[in-house]
Amino acid sequence: MAKMRILSHLGDTVVVYDVEKATEGDPDSIKAVKEAERIFKEARARGATAFRVDAPDKAAERIDKFDKTAEQIIVVPRVAGG
């Protein structure tokens, strides 16, 4: 089970999807993966930065494209300074 966390002014939104079941052809899981990818693309289009996190002891890796094989993706909105 993979998850994507979207940080925003509303808090921390979590999207969970099962890549293994999607690969096996489960229609609901396929929809969930596609929805996660859509959310990711929309956030990136608004300037958000995304990181792939695979384990607590590993450094996060910045990503520009949705990676359904990531254990966890964290999406951080663009921060504007002033």
C-alpha atoms as a PDB file:
ATOM      1  CA  MET A   1       0.000   0.000   0.000  1.00  0.00           C
ATOM      2  CA  ALA A   2       1.455   3.346  -1.036  1.00  0.00           C
ATOM      3  CA  LYS A   3       0.483   6.813   0.101  1.00  0.00           C
ATOM      4  CA  MET A   4       0.808  10.380  -1.020  1.00  0.00           C
ATOM      5  CA  ARG A   5       0.667  13.192   1.524  1.00  0.00           C
ATOM      6  CA  ILE A   6      -0.294  16.635   0.296  1.00  0.00           C
ATOM      7  CA  LEU A   7       0.641  19.448   2.665  1.00  0.00           C
ATOM      8  CA  SER A   8      -1.430  22.626   2.435  1.00  0.00           C
ATOM      9  CA  HIS A   9      -3.040  25.398   4.436  1.00  0.00           C
ATOM     10  CA  LEU A  10      -5.776  22.851   5.222  1.00  0.00           C
ATOM     11  CA  GLY A  11      -3.307  20.469   6.846  1.00  0.00           C
ATOM     12  CA  ASP A  12      -2.027  17.098   5.720  1.00  0.00           C
ATOM     13  CA  THR A  13      -4.218  15.267   3.200  1.00  0.00           C
ATOM     14  CA  VAL A  14      -3.429  11.580   2.646  1.00  0.00           C
ATOM     15  CA  VAL A  15      -4.215   9.647  -0.532  1.00  0.00           C
ATOM     16  CA  VAL A  16      -3.748   5.865  -0.278  1.00  0.00           C
ATOM     17  CA  TYR A  17      -3.513   3.510  -3.249  1.00  0.00           C
ATOM     18  CA  ASP A  18      -2.527  -0.126  -3.837  1.00  0.00           C
ATOM     19  CA  VAL A  19      -0.151  -0.452  -6.783  1.00  0.00           C
ATOM     20  CA  GLU A  20       0.064  -4.237  -6.491  1.00  0.00           C
ATOM     21  CA  LYS A  21      -3.702  -4.665  -6.866  1.00  0.00           C
ATOM     22  CA  ALA A  22      -3.725  -2.128  -9.717  1.00  0.00           C
ATOM     23  CA  THR A  23      -1.052  -4.168 -11.497  1.00  0.00           C
ATOM     24  CA  GLU A  24      -3.230  -7.260 -11.033  1.00  0.00           C
ATOM     25  CA  GLY A  25      -6.078  -5.426 -12.763  1.00  0.00           C
ATOM     26  CA  ASP A  26      -8.319  -4.459  -9.835  1.00  0.00           C
ATOM     27  CA  PRO A  27     -10.539  -1.666 -11.253  1.00  0.00           C
ATOM     28  CA  ASP A  28     -10.864   0.284  -7.971  1.00  0.00           C
ATOM     29  CA  SER A  29      -7.111   0.191  -7.412  1.00  0.00           C
ATOM     30  CA  ILE A  30      -6.433   1.324 -10.978  1.00  0.00           C
ATOM     31  CA  LYS A  31      -8.784   4.281 -10.437  1.00  0.00           C
ATOM     32  CA  ALA A  32      -7.062   5.133  -7.129  1.00  0.00           C
ATOM     33  CA  VAL A  33      -3.601   5.169  -8.756  1.00  0.00           C
ATOM     34  CA  LYS A  34      -4.883   7.347 -11.615  1.00  0.00           C
ATOM     35  CA  GLU A  35      -6.510   9.740  -9.136  1.00  0.00           C
ATOM     36  CA  ALA A  36      -3.269  10.004  -7.141  1.00  0.00           C
ATOM     37  CA  GLU A  37      -1.383  10.757 -10.363  1.00  0.00           C
ATOM     38  CA  ARG A  38      -3.946  13.430 -11.318  1.00  0.00           C
ATOM     39  CA  ILE A  39      -3.642  15.104  -7.909  1.00  0.00           C
ATOM     40  CA  PHE A  40       0.154  14.973  -8.175  1.00  0.00           C
ATOM     41  CA  LYS A  41       0.163  16.582 -11.634  1.00  0.00           C
ATOM     42  CA  GLU A  42      -2.214  19.356 -10.532  1.00  0.00           C
ATOM     43  CA  ALA A  43      -0.082  20.157  -7.493  1.00  0.00           C
ATOM     44  CA  ARG A  44       3.104  20.234  -9.580  1.00  0.00           C
ATOM     45  CA  ALA A  45       1.410  22.528 -12.130  1.00  0.00           C
ATOM     46  CA  ARG A  46       0.689  24.952  -9.253  1.00  0.00           C
ATOM     47  CA  GLY A  47       4.387  24.953  -8.342  1.00  0.00           C
ATOM     48  CA  ALA A  48       4.469  22.322  -5.593  1.00  0.00           C
ATOM     49  CA  THR A  49       7.596  20.289  -4.929  1.00  0.00           C
ATOM     50  CA  ALA A  50       7.387  16.526  -4.447  1.00  0.00           C
ATOM     51  CA  PHE A  51       9.608  14.087  -2.599  1.00  0.00           C
ATOM     52  CA  ARG A  52       9.820  10.315  -2.674  1.00  0.00           C
ATOM     53  CA  VAL A  53      10.330   8.773   0.785  1.00  0.00           C
ATOM     54  CA  ASP A  54      11.015   5.037   0.890  1.00  0.00           C
ATOM     55  CA  ALA A  55      12.243   4.446   4.428  1.00  0.00           C
ATOM     56  CA  PRO A  56      12.764   6.478   7.601  1.00  0.00           C
ATOM     57  CA  ASP A  57      16.525   5.903   7.459  1.00  0.00           C
ATOM     58  CA  LYS A  58      16.865   6.983   3.795  1.00  0.00           C
ATOM     59  CA  ALA A  59      17.067  10.541   2.551  1.00  0.00           C
ATOM     60  CA  ALA A  60      14.034  11.859   0.666  1.00  0.00           C
ATOM     61  CA  GLU A  61      14.507  12.179  -3.096  1.00  0.00           C
ATOM     62  CA  ARG A  62      12.985  15.070  -5.042  1.00  0.00           C
ATOM     63  CA  ILE A  63      10.841  13.910  -7.966  1.00  0.00           C
ATOM     64  CA  ASP A  64       9.248  15.750 -10.874  1.00  0.00           C
ATOM     65  CA  LYS A  65       7.027  12.928 -12.174  1.00  0.00           C
ATOM     66  CA  PHE A  66       4.552  10.742 -10.325  1.00  0.00           C
ATOM     67  CA  ASP A  67       6.224   7.486  -9.274  1.00  0.00           C
ATOM     68  CA  LYS A  68       3.622   4.889  -8.393  1.00  0.00           C
ATOM     69  CA  THR A  69       6.348   2.580  -7.061  1.00  0.00           C
ATOM     70  CA  ALA A  70       7.276   5.011  -4.263  1.00  0.00           C
ATOM     71  CA  GLU A  71       6.316   3.865  -0.788  1.00  0.00           C
ATOM     72  CA  GLN A  72       5.375   7.433   0.090  1.00  0.00           C
ATOM     73  CA  ILE A  73       5.257  10.732  -1.784  1.00  0.00           C
ATOM     74  CA  ILE A  74       5.131  14.047   0.039  1.00  0.00           C
ATOM     75  CA  VAL A  75       3.878  17.071  -1.890  1.00  0.00           C
ATOM     76  CA  VAL A  76       4.810  20.481  -0.500  1.00  0.00           C
ATOM     77  CA  PRO A  77       3.175  23.634  -1.906  1.00  0.00           C
ATOM     78  CA  ARG A  78       5.229  26.484  -3.230  1.00  0.00           C
ATOM     79  CA  VAL A  79       6.203  28.846  -0.453  1.00  0.00           C
ATOM     80  CA  ALA A  80       6.214  32.550  -1.276  1.00  0.00           C
ATOM     81  CA  GLY A  81       8.315  34.887   0.761  1.00  0.00           C
ATOM     82  CA  GLY A  82       8.020  38.573   1.152  1.00  0.00           C
END
